[in-house]
N, C-alpha and C. Protein backbone atom coordinates (compact mmCIF):
# COMPACT_ATOMS: atom_id res chain seq x y z
N MET A 1 -40.50 1.89 81.38
CA MET A 1 -40.69 1.95 79.94
C MET A 1 -39.56 2.76 79.29
N ASN A 2 -39.22 3.90 79.92
CA ASN A 2 -38.12 4.70 79.39
C ASN A 2 -36.81 3.93 79.40
N ASP A 3 -36.62 3.13 80.45
CA ASP A 3 -35.40 2.35 80.54
C ASP A 3 -35.31 1.36 79.38
N LEU A 4 -36.43 0.81 79.00
CA LEU A 4 -36.45 -0.15 77.91
C LEU A 4 -36.11 0.53 76.59
N ARG A 5 -36.61 1.71 76.41
CA ARG A 5 -36.30 2.45 75.18
C ARG A 5 -34.80 2.80 75.13
N ILE A 6 -34.25 3.25 76.22
CA ILE A 6 -32.83 3.59 76.26
C ILE A 6 -31.99 2.35 75.98
N LEU A 7 -32.36 1.23 76.57
CA LEU A 7 -31.64 -0.02 76.34
C LEU A 7 -31.72 -0.42 74.88
N ALA A 8 -32.85 -0.26 74.26
CA ALA A 8 -33.02 -0.60 72.85
C ALA A 8 -32.15 0.30 71.98
N ILE A 9 -32.09 1.56 72.30
CA ILE A 9 -31.27 2.50 71.52
C ILE A 9 -29.79 2.15 71.69
N VAL A 10 -29.37 1.87 72.90
CA VAL A 10 -27.98 1.53 73.17
C VAL A 10 -27.62 0.24 72.43
N LEU A 11 -28.45 -0.76 72.48
CA LEU A 11 -28.18 -2.02 71.78
C LEU A 11 -28.16 -1.82 70.27
N PHE A 12 -28.98 -0.93 69.79
CA PHE A 12 -29.02 -0.65 68.36
C PHE A 12 -27.76 0.09 67.90
N LEU A 13 -27.30 1.06 68.70
CA LEU A 13 -26.14 1.87 68.32
C LEU A 13 -24.80 1.24 68.69
N ALA A 14 -24.78 0.32 69.62
CA ALA A 14 -23.52 -0.26 70.11
C ALA A 14 -22.63 -0.81 68.98
N PRO A 15 -23.15 -1.55 68.01
CA PRO A 15 -22.26 -2.05 66.94
C PRO A 15 -21.66 -0.94 66.10
N MET A 16 -22.27 0.24 66.08
CA MET A 16 -21.77 1.34 65.26
C MET A 16 -20.66 2.14 65.96
N VAL A 17 -20.53 2.05 67.24
CA VAL A 17 -19.57 2.86 67.99
C VAL A 17 -18.13 2.59 67.54
N PRO A 18 -17.65 1.35 67.40
CA PRO A 18 -16.26 1.17 66.94
C PRO A 18 -16.04 1.75 65.56
N ALA A 19 -17.04 1.71 64.72
CA ALA A 19 -16.87 2.26 63.37
C ALA A 19 -16.77 3.78 63.43
N LEU A 20 -17.44 4.40 64.40
CA LEU A 20 -17.40 5.85 64.51
C LEU A 20 -16.13 6.33 65.21
N ALA A 21 -15.62 5.53 66.12
CA ALA A 21 -14.42 5.92 66.87
C ALA A 21 -13.19 5.71 66.00
N ASP A 22 -12.17 6.59 66.22
CA ASP A 22 -10.90 6.40 65.51
C ASP A 22 -10.23 5.16 66.06
N ASP A 23 -9.75 4.31 65.16
CA ASP A 23 -9.12 3.06 65.57
C ASP A 23 -7.63 3.16 65.25
N TYR A 24 -6.78 2.98 66.26
CA TYR A 24 -5.34 3.11 66.08
C TYR A 24 -4.62 1.96 66.75
N ALA A 25 -3.42 1.66 66.22
CA ALA A 25 -2.50 0.72 66.85
C ALA A 25 -1.42 1.54 67.54
N GLN A 26 -1.00 1.10 68.71
CA GLN A 26 0.01 1.84 69.46
C GLN A 26 1.40 1.41 68.99
N VAL A 27 2.25 2.38 68.61
CA VAL A 27 3.63 2.10 68.19
C VAL A 27 4.47 1.87 69.44
N LEU A 28 5.19 0.74 69.46
CA LEU A 28 6.02 0.40 70.61
C LEU A 28 7.49 0.76 70.39
N SER A 29 7.96 0.54 69.15
CA SER A 29 9.36 0.88 68.85
C SER A 29 9.52 1.09 67.35
N VAL A 30 10.54 1.90 67.00
CA VAL A 30 10.86 2.18 65.61
C VAL A 30 12.37 2.01 65.44
N VAL A 31 12.79 1.16 64.49
CA VAL A 31 14.21 0.93 64.23
C VAL A 31 14.50 1.34 62.77
N GLU A 32 15.50 2.24 62.62
CA GLU A 32 15.88 2.67 61.27
C GLU A 32 16.57 1.53 60.53
N ILE A 33 16.23 1.36 59.26
CA ILE A 33 16.90 0.39 58.40
C ILE A 33 17.81 1.19 57.48
N LYS A 34 19.11 0.93 57.58
CA LYS A 34 20.08 1.70 56.82
C LYS A 34 20.74 0.85 55.76
N GLU A 35 21.17 1.55 54.70
CA GLU A 35 21.88 0.92 53.59
C GLU A 35 23.18 1.70 53.40
N VAL A 36 24.27 0.97 53.22
CA VAL A 36 25.56 1.61 52.98
C VAL A 36 25.75 1.75 51.48
N VAL A 37 26.00 2.99 51.04
CA VAL A 37 26.19 3.28 49.61
C VAL A 37 27.63 3.70 49.41
N LYS A 38 28.34 2.99 48.53
CA LYS A 38 29.73 3.32 48.22
C LYS A 38 29.77 3.93 46.82
N THR A 39 30.33 5.14 46.73
CA THR A 39 30.38 5.86 45.46
C THR A 39 31.83 6.20 45.14
N PRO A 40 32.38 5.64 44.04
CA PRO A 40 33.75 6.02 43.66
C PRO A 40 33.75 7.41 43.01
N ARG A 41 34.72 8.23 43.40
CA ARG A 41 34.88 9.57 42.83
C ARG A 41 36.35 9.81 42.56
N GLU A 42 36.61 10.64 41.56
CA GLU A 42 37.99 11.02 41.27
C GLU A 42 38.28 12.34 41.96
N ARG A 43 39.31 12.35 42.77
CA ARG A 43 39.71 13.56 43.50
C ARG A 43 41.09 13.97 42.98
N CYS A 44 41.20 15.22 42.52
CA CYS A 44 42.44 15.72 41.95
C CYS A 44 42.94 16.90 42.76
N GLU A 45 44.25 17.05 42.77
CA GLU A 45 44.85 18.23 43.38
C GLU A 45 46.02 18.66 42.51
N GLU A 46 46.25 19.96 42.48
CA GLU A 46 47.34 20.52 41.70
C GLU A 46 48.51 20.78 42.63
N LEU A 47 49.66 20.23 42.24
CA LEU A 47 50.87 20.39 43.05
C LEU A 47 51.85 21.27 42.30
N LYS A 48 52.38 22.26 42.98
CA LYS A 48 53.39 23.13 42.38
C LYS A 48 54.74 22.71 42.91
N SER A 49 55.68 22.54 41.99
CA SER A 49 57.04 22.22 42.40
C SER A 49 57.74 23.52 42.81
N ALA A 50 58.86 23.37 43.45
CA ALA A 50 59.64 24.54 43.84
C ALA A 50 60.13 25.24 42.58
N PRO A 51 60.32 26.55 42.65
CA PRO A 51 60.82 27.26 41.47
C PRO A 51 62.16 26.68 41.03
N GLY A 52 62.40 26.73 39.72
CA GLY A 52 63.65 26.21 39.16
C GLY A 52 64.83 27.11 39.51
N GLU A 53 65.93 26.81 38.92
CA GLU A 53 67.15 27.58 39.18
C GLU A 53 67.04 28.98 38.59
N PRO A 54 67.58 29.96 39.29
CA PRO A 54 67.60 31.31 38.70
C PRO A 54 68.57 31.33 37.52
N ALA A 55 68.34 32.25 36.62
CA ALA A 55 69.17 32.35 35.42
C ALA A 55 70.62 32.65 35.79
N LYS A 56 71.55 31.88 35.19
CA LYS A 56 72.98 32.12 35.42
C LYS A 56 73.46 33.30 34.56
N ASP A 57 72.83 33.48 33.45
CA ASP A 57 73.20 34.56 32.52
C ASP A 57 72.08 35.59 32.52
N LYS A 58 72.04 36.42 33.57
CA LYS A 58 70.95 37.38 33.73
C LYS A 58 70.84 38.37 32.58
N HIS A 59 71.96 38.69 31.95
CA HIS A 59 71.95 39.69 30.89
C HIS A 59 71.75 39.06 29.50
N LYS A 60 71.59 37.76 29.47
CA LYS A 60 71.30 37.02 28.23
C LYS A 60 72.38 37.26 27.17
N VAL A 61 73.61 37.26 27.63
CA VAL A 61 74.75 37.51 26.73
C VAL A 61 74.88 36.39 25.70
N LEU A 62 74.75 35.15 26.16
CA LEU A 62 74.93 34.02 25.24
C LEU A 62 73.89 34.07 24.11
N GLY A 63 72.64 34.33 24.44
CA GLY A 63 71.60 34.41 23.41
C GLY A 63 71.82 35.58 22.48
N THR A 64 72.22 36.72 23.04
CA THR A 64 72.44 37.92 22.23
C THR A 64 73.60 37.72 21.26
N VAL A 65 74.74 37.23 21.76
CA VAL A 65 75.92 37.02 20.91
C VAL A 65 75.66 35.92 19.89
N GLY A 66 75.07 34.81 20.36
CA GLY A 66 74.78 33.71 19.43
C GLY A 66 73.83 34.14 18.32
N GLY A 67 72.78 34.89 18.69
CA GLY A 67 71.83 35.39 17.70
C GLY A 67 72.47 36.37 16.73
N ALA A 68 73.37 37.24 17.24
CA ALA A 68 74.06 38.21 16.38
C ALA A 68 74.94 37.50 15.36
N VAL A 69 75.69 36.49 15.80
CA VAL A 69 76.57 35.73 14.89
C VAL A 69 75.74 35.04 13.82
N LEU A 70 74.69 34.35 14.26
CA LEU A 70 73.85 33.62 13.29
C LEU A 70 73.16 34.59 12.33
N GLY A 71 72.63 35.69 12.86
CA GLY A 71 71.99 36.70 12.00
C GLY A 71 72.98 37.33 11.04
N GLY A 72 74.21 37.60 11.50
CA GLY A 72 75.23 38.17 10.62
C GLY A 72 75.60 37.22 9.50
N VAL A 73 75.73 35.93 9.81
CA VAL A 73 76.04 34.93 8.78
C VAL A 73 74.92 34.87 7.75
N LEU A 74 73.68 34.85 8.21
CA LEU A 74 72.56 34.80 7.26
C LEU A 74 72.47 36.09 6.44
N GLY A 75 72.68 37.25 7.06
CA GLY A 75 72.64 38.53 6.36
C GLY A 75 73.75 38.64 5.33
N ASN A 76 74.87 38.02 5.61
CA ASN A 76 76.01 38.05 4.69
C ASN A 76 75.72 37.28 3.40
N GLN A 77 74.74 36.41 3.43
CA GLN A 77 74.38 35.63 2.25
C GLN A 77 73.57 36.45 1.24
N ILE A 78 73.13 37.62 1.67
CA ILE A 78 72.25 38.43 0.82
C ILE A 78 73.07 39.55 0.16
N GLY A 79 72.79 39.79 -1.10
CA GLY A 79 73.35 40.93 -1.84
C GLY A 79 74.85 40.84 -2.10
N GLY A 80 75.39 41.95 -2.51
CA GLY A 80 76.81 42.03 -2.82
C GLY A 80 77.29 43.45 -2.59
N GLY A 81 78.61 43.65 -2.39
CA GLY A 81 79.20 44.98 -2.22
C GLY A 81 78.72 45.62 -0.94
N ARG A 82 78.34 46.93 -1.06
CA ARG A 82 77.89 47.70 0.10
C ARG A 82 76.58 47.15 0.65
N GLY A 83 75.70 46.62 -0.17
CA GLY A 83 74.43 46.01 0.25
C GLY A 83 74.66 44.79 1.12
N LYS A 84 75.73 44.08 0.81
CA LYS A 84 76.07 42.89 1.60
C LYS A 84 76.46 43.31 3.02
N ASP A 85 77.22 44.42 3.13
CA ASP A 85 77.63 44.91 4.45
C ASP A 85 76.42 45.34 5.28
N ILE A 86 75.49 46.02 4.62
CA ILE A 86 74.27 46.48 5.32
C ILE A 86 73.43 45.27 5.75
N ALA A 87 73.28 44.26 4.87
CA ALA A 87 72.51 43.06 5.18
C ALA A 87 73.15 42.30 6.32
N THR A 88 74.50 42.26 6.34
CA THR A 88 75.20 41.56 7.43
C THR A 88 74.96 42.28 8.76
N ALA A 89 75.06 43.60 8.77
CA ALA A 89 74.82 44.37 9.99
C ALA A 89 73.37 44.23 10.47
N ALA A 90 72.44 44.34 9.53
CA ALA A 90 71.01 44.21 9.89
C ALA A 90 70.73 42.81 10.42
N GLY A 91 71.32 41.80 9.79
CA GLY A 91 71.14 40.42 10.25
C GLY A 91 71.70 40.23 11.66
N ALA A 92 72.87 40.87 11.92
CA ALA A 92 73.48 40.75 13.24
C ALA A 92 72.60 41.40 14.31
N VAL A 93 72.08 42.60 14.02
CA VAL A 93 71.22 43.29 14.99
C VAL A 93 69.93 42.51 15.21
N GLY A 94 69.29 42.10 14.12
CA GLY A 94 68.04 41.32 14.23
C GLY A 94 68.27 40.00 14.96
N GLY A 95 69.37 39.33 14.62
CA GLY A 95 69.70 38.05 15.27
C GLY A 95 69.95 38.24 16.76
N ALA A 96 70.61 39.34 17.13
CA ALA A 96 70.88 39.62 18.53
C ALA A 96 69.58 39.79 19.31
N LEU A 97 68.64 40.54 18.74
CA LEU A 97 67.34 40.75 19.40
C LEU A 97 66.57 39.43 19.56
N VAL A 98 66.55 38.64 18.48
CA VAL A 98 65.83 37.35 18.52
C VAL A 98 66.52 36.40 19.50
N GLY A 99 67.83 36.32 19.47
CA GLY A 99 68.58 35.43 20.37
C GLY A 99 68.36 35.79 21.83
N ARG A 100 68.35 37.11 22.12
CA ARG A 100 68.10 37.57 23.49
C ARG A 100 66.70 37.15 23.95
N LYS A 101 65.71 37.32 23.09
CA LYS A 101 64.32 36.96 23.42
C LYS A 101 64.19 35.45 23.65
N VAL A 102 64.80 34.65 22.78
CA VAL A 102 64.72 33.19 22.90
C VAL A 102 65.36 32.74 24.22
N GLN A 103 66.52 33.28 24.54
CA GLN A 103 67.17 32.90 25.80
C GLN A 103 66.32 33.33 27.00
N GLY A 104 65.71 34.50 26.95
CA GLY A 104 64.84 34.96 28.03
C GLY A 104 63.67 34.03 28.25
N ASN A 105 63.04 33.59 27.16
CA ASN A 105 61.91 32.65 27.26
C ASN A 105 62.35 31.33 27.90
N GLN A 106 63.50 30.82 27.48
CA GLN A 106 64.01 29.56 28.03
C GLN A 106 64.31 29.69 29.52
N GLN A 107 64.88 30.82 29.90
CA GLN A 107 65.19 31.03 31.31
C GLN A 107 63.91 31.12 32.16
N GLU A 108 62.88 31.76 31.62
CA GLU A 108 61.61 31.86 32.34
C GLU A 108 60.98 30.48 32.54
N LYS A 109 61.02 29.64 31.49
CA LYS A 109 60.46 28.29 31.60
C LYS A 109 61.17 27.49 32.68
N LYS A 110 62.49 27.58 32.71
CA LYS A 110 63.26 26.81 33.69
C LYS A 110 63.05 27.34 35.10
N ALA A 111 62.85 28.64 35.26
CA ALA A 111 62.72 29.24 36.58
C ALA A 111 61.31 29.10 37.15
N ALA A 112 60.31 28.97 36.29
CA ALA A 112 58.91 28.91 36.76
C ALA A 112 58.64 27.58 37.45
N PRO A 113 57.83 27.61 38.53
CA PRO A 113 57.47 26.34 39.17
C PRO A 113 56.56 25.53 38.23
N LYS A 114 56.69 24.24 38.29
CA LYS A 114 55.88 23.35 37.46
C LYS A 114 54.59 23.01 38.22
N VAL A 115 53.48 22.96 37.50
CA VAL A 115 52.20 22.58 38.09
C VAL A 115 51.84 21.21 37.56
N GLU A 116 51.56 20.30 38.49
CA GLU A 116 51.26 18.93 38.11
C GLU A 116 49.95 18.53 38.78
N SER A 117 49.05 17.90 38.02
CA SER A 117 47.79 17.41 38.59
C SER A 117 47.96 15.95 38.98
N ARG A 118 47.58 15.64 40.20
CA ARG A 118 47.60 14.26 40.66
C ARG A 118 46.18 13.88 41.03
N CYS A 119 45.73 12.80 40.44
CA CYS A 119 44.35 12.35 40.67
C CYS A 119 44.37 10.94 41.24
N GLN A 120 43.37 10.69 42.06
CA GLN A 120 43.21 9.34 42.59
C GLN A 120 41.72 9.07 42.78
N THR A 121 41.35 7.82 42.71
CA THR A 121 39.97 7.44 42.91
C THR A 121 39.77 7.13 44.39
N VAL A 122 38.79 7.78 44.97
CA VAL A 122 38.45 7.55 46.37
C VAL A 122 37.00 7.06 46.44
N THR A 123 36.72 6.28 47.45
CA THR A 123 35.36 5.76 47.62
C THR A 123 34.72 6.49 48.79
N GLU A 124 33.64 7.18 48.50
CA GLU A 124 32.89 7.86 49.55
C GLU A 124 31.82 6.90 50.05
N ILE A 125 31.72 6.80 51.36
CA ILE A 125 30.77 5.88 51.98
C ILE A 125 29.70 6.71 52.68
N GLU A 126 28.45 6.37 52.37
CA GLU A 126 27.32 7.12 52.93
C GLU A 126 26.27 6.13 53.41
N GLU A 127 25.68 6.41 54.56
CA GLU A 127 24.57 5.60 55.05
C GLU A 127 23.26 6.32 54.75
N ARG A 128 22.33 5.57 54.20
CA ARG A 128 21.02 6.14 53.89
C ARG A 128 19.95 5.33 54.60
N ILE A 129 18.95 6.03 55.11
CA ILE A 129 17.82 5.33 55.73
C ILE A 129 16.87 4.90 54.61
N VAL A 130 16.60 3.59 54.55
CA VAL A 130 15.74 3.08 53.47
C VAL A 130 14.37 2.65 53.98
N GLY A 131 14.19 2.66 55.29
CA GLY A 131 12.90 2.29 55.85
C GLY A 131 12.97 2.18 57.36
N TYR A 132 11.86 1.72 57.93
CA TYR A 132 11.76 1.61 59.39
C TYR A 132 11.05 0.31 59.73
N ASP A 133 11.60 -0.45 60.68
CA ASP A 133 10.89 -1.59 61.24
C ASP A 133 10.11 -1.07 62.44
N VAL A 134 8.78 -1.19 62.37
CA VAL A 134 7.90 -0.62 63.38
C VAL A 134 7.20 -1.76 64.12
N ARG A 135 7.40 -1.79 65.44
CA ARG A 135 6.72 -2.78 66.28
C ARG A 135 5.54 -2.05 66.91
N TYR A 136 4.34 -2.68 66.81
CA TYR A 136 3.14 -2.03 67.32
C TYR A 136 2.25 -3.05 68.03
N ARG A 137 1.30 -2.52 68.80
CA ARG A 137 0.32 -3.37 69.49
C ARG A 137 -1.06 -2.93 69.02
N TYR A 138 -1.84 -3.95 68.61
CA TYR A 138 -3.23 -3.70 68.20
C TYR A 138 -4.08 -4.85 68.71
N GLN A 139 -5.13 -4.52 69.44
CA GLN A 139 -6.05 -5.49 70.04
C GLN A 139 -5.28 -6.54 70.85
N GLY A 140 -4.27 -6.07 71.59
CA GLY A 140 -3.53 -6.95 72.49
C GLY A 140 -2.43 -7.77 71.82
N LYS A 141 -2.31 -7.70 70.52
CA LYS A 141 -1.27 -8.46 69.81
C LYS A 141 -0.16 -7.53 69.35
N GLU A 142 1.08 -8.00 69.50
CA GLU A 142 2.23 -7.23 69.02
C GLU A 142 2.67 -7.77 67.67
N GLN A 143 2.94 -6.86 66.75
CA GLN A 143 3.39 -7.24 65.41
C GLN A 143 4.44 -6.24 64.93
N THR A 144 5.15 -6.62 63.88
CA THR A 144 6.17 -5.74 63.29
C THR A 144 5.88 -5.59 61.81
N VAL A 145 6.08 -4.37 61.32
CA VAL A 145 5.86 -4.09 59.91
C VAL A 145 6.98 -3.14 59.46
N ARG A 146 7.37 -3.24 58.20
CA ARG A 146 8.37 -2.31 57.64
C ARG A 146 7.64 -1.20 56.90
N MET A 147 8.09 0.05 57.20
CA MET A 147 7.46 1.23 56.60
C MET A 147 8.52 2.08 55.92
N LYS A 148 8.09 2.82 54.89
CA LYS A 148 9.01 3.72 54.19
C LYS A 148 9.22 5.02 54.96
N ARG A 149 8.18 5.46 55.68
CA ARG A 149 8.26 6.72 56.43
C ARG A 149 8.23 6.42 57.92
N LYS A 150 8.87 7.32 58.67
CA LYS A 150 8.89 7.15 60.12
C LYS A 150 7.52 7.52 60.69
N PRO A 151 6.92 6.59 61.46
CA PRO A 151 5.58 6.87 61.99
C PRO A 151 5.64 7.71 63.26
N GLY A 152 4.46 8.14 63.68
CA GLY A 152 4.35 8.82 64.97
C GLY A 152 4.20 7.78 66.07
N ASP A 153 3.43 8.11 67.10
CA ASP A 153 3.27 7.18 68.23
C ASP A 153 2.09 6.22 68.05
N ARG A 154 1.37 6.36 66.93
CA ARG A 154 0.29 5.42 66.65
C ARG A 154 0.08 5.29 65.15
N LEU A 155 -0.53 4.16 64.76
CA LEU A 155 -0.79 3.88 63.35
C LEU A 155 -2.29 3.77 63.12
N PRO A 156 -2.81 4.33 62.04
CA PRO A 156 -4.24 4.22 61.78
C PRO A 156 -4.61 2.78 61.38
N VAL A 157 -5.82 2.41 61.74
CA VAL A 157 -6.34 1.08 61.40
C VAL A 157 -7.63 1.27 60.63
N GLU A 158 -7.73 0.59 59.48
CA GLU A 158 -8.95 0.64 58.68
C GLU A 158 -9.37 -0.78 58.37
N GLY A 159 -10.62 -1.09 58.65
CA GLY A 159 -11.13 -2.42 58.35
C GLY A 159 -10.39 -3.51 59.12
N GLY A 160 -9.89 -3.18 60.30
CA GLY A 160 -9.19 -4.16 61.12
C GLY A 160 -7.73 -4.38 60.73
N LYS A 161 -7.24 -3.59 59.74
CA LYS A 161 -5.84 -3.74 59.31
C LYS A 161 -5.10 -2.42 59.50
N VAL A 162 -3.82 -2.54 59.89
CA VAL A 162 -2.98 -1.36 60.09
C VAL A 162 -2.65 -0.76 58.73
N VAL A 163 -2.78 0.55 58.60
CA VAL A 163 -2.45 1.26 57.36
C VAL A 163 -0.98 1.67 57.46
N ILE A 164 -0.14 1.12 56.56
CA ILE A 164 1.29 1.42 56.66
C ILE A 164 1.75 2.44 55.63
N GLU A 165 0.95 2.80 54.68
CA GLU A 165 1.35 3.82 53.69
C GLU A 165 0.27 4.84 53.52
């Protein structure tokens, strides 16, 4: 009699056992699916040229004398008598200072190395994983499915279907 009761309980509960047990598909292989992404970028570099020629007139004589002559001529145009002499002298001194400064600036520009930017467009190539082809076995059948995330060694099954997300 006890055996009959146990058999009845087992037969009653047997259909519920698969629903209570965790149901999984076994993962057989995983293959990464990659996409090649090409991105154009501008790459620039600054190139310095060799320094220019050193100044031939280190004492800036040409600028000083030229400025003094020009300043004296302009100063001579101002006033008359003794005032004209003073204006000519002041113009010569001022012109000499300005001429010396102008020549110094020009010599510095010629002697300084030039900086030039050179740019070019380069294409950067990158591989990105966009998914996984997963081969699995469930209830003796092998199938393949594409997934966004890399699975472990088994896939959950709900309602007889493999859950891929």
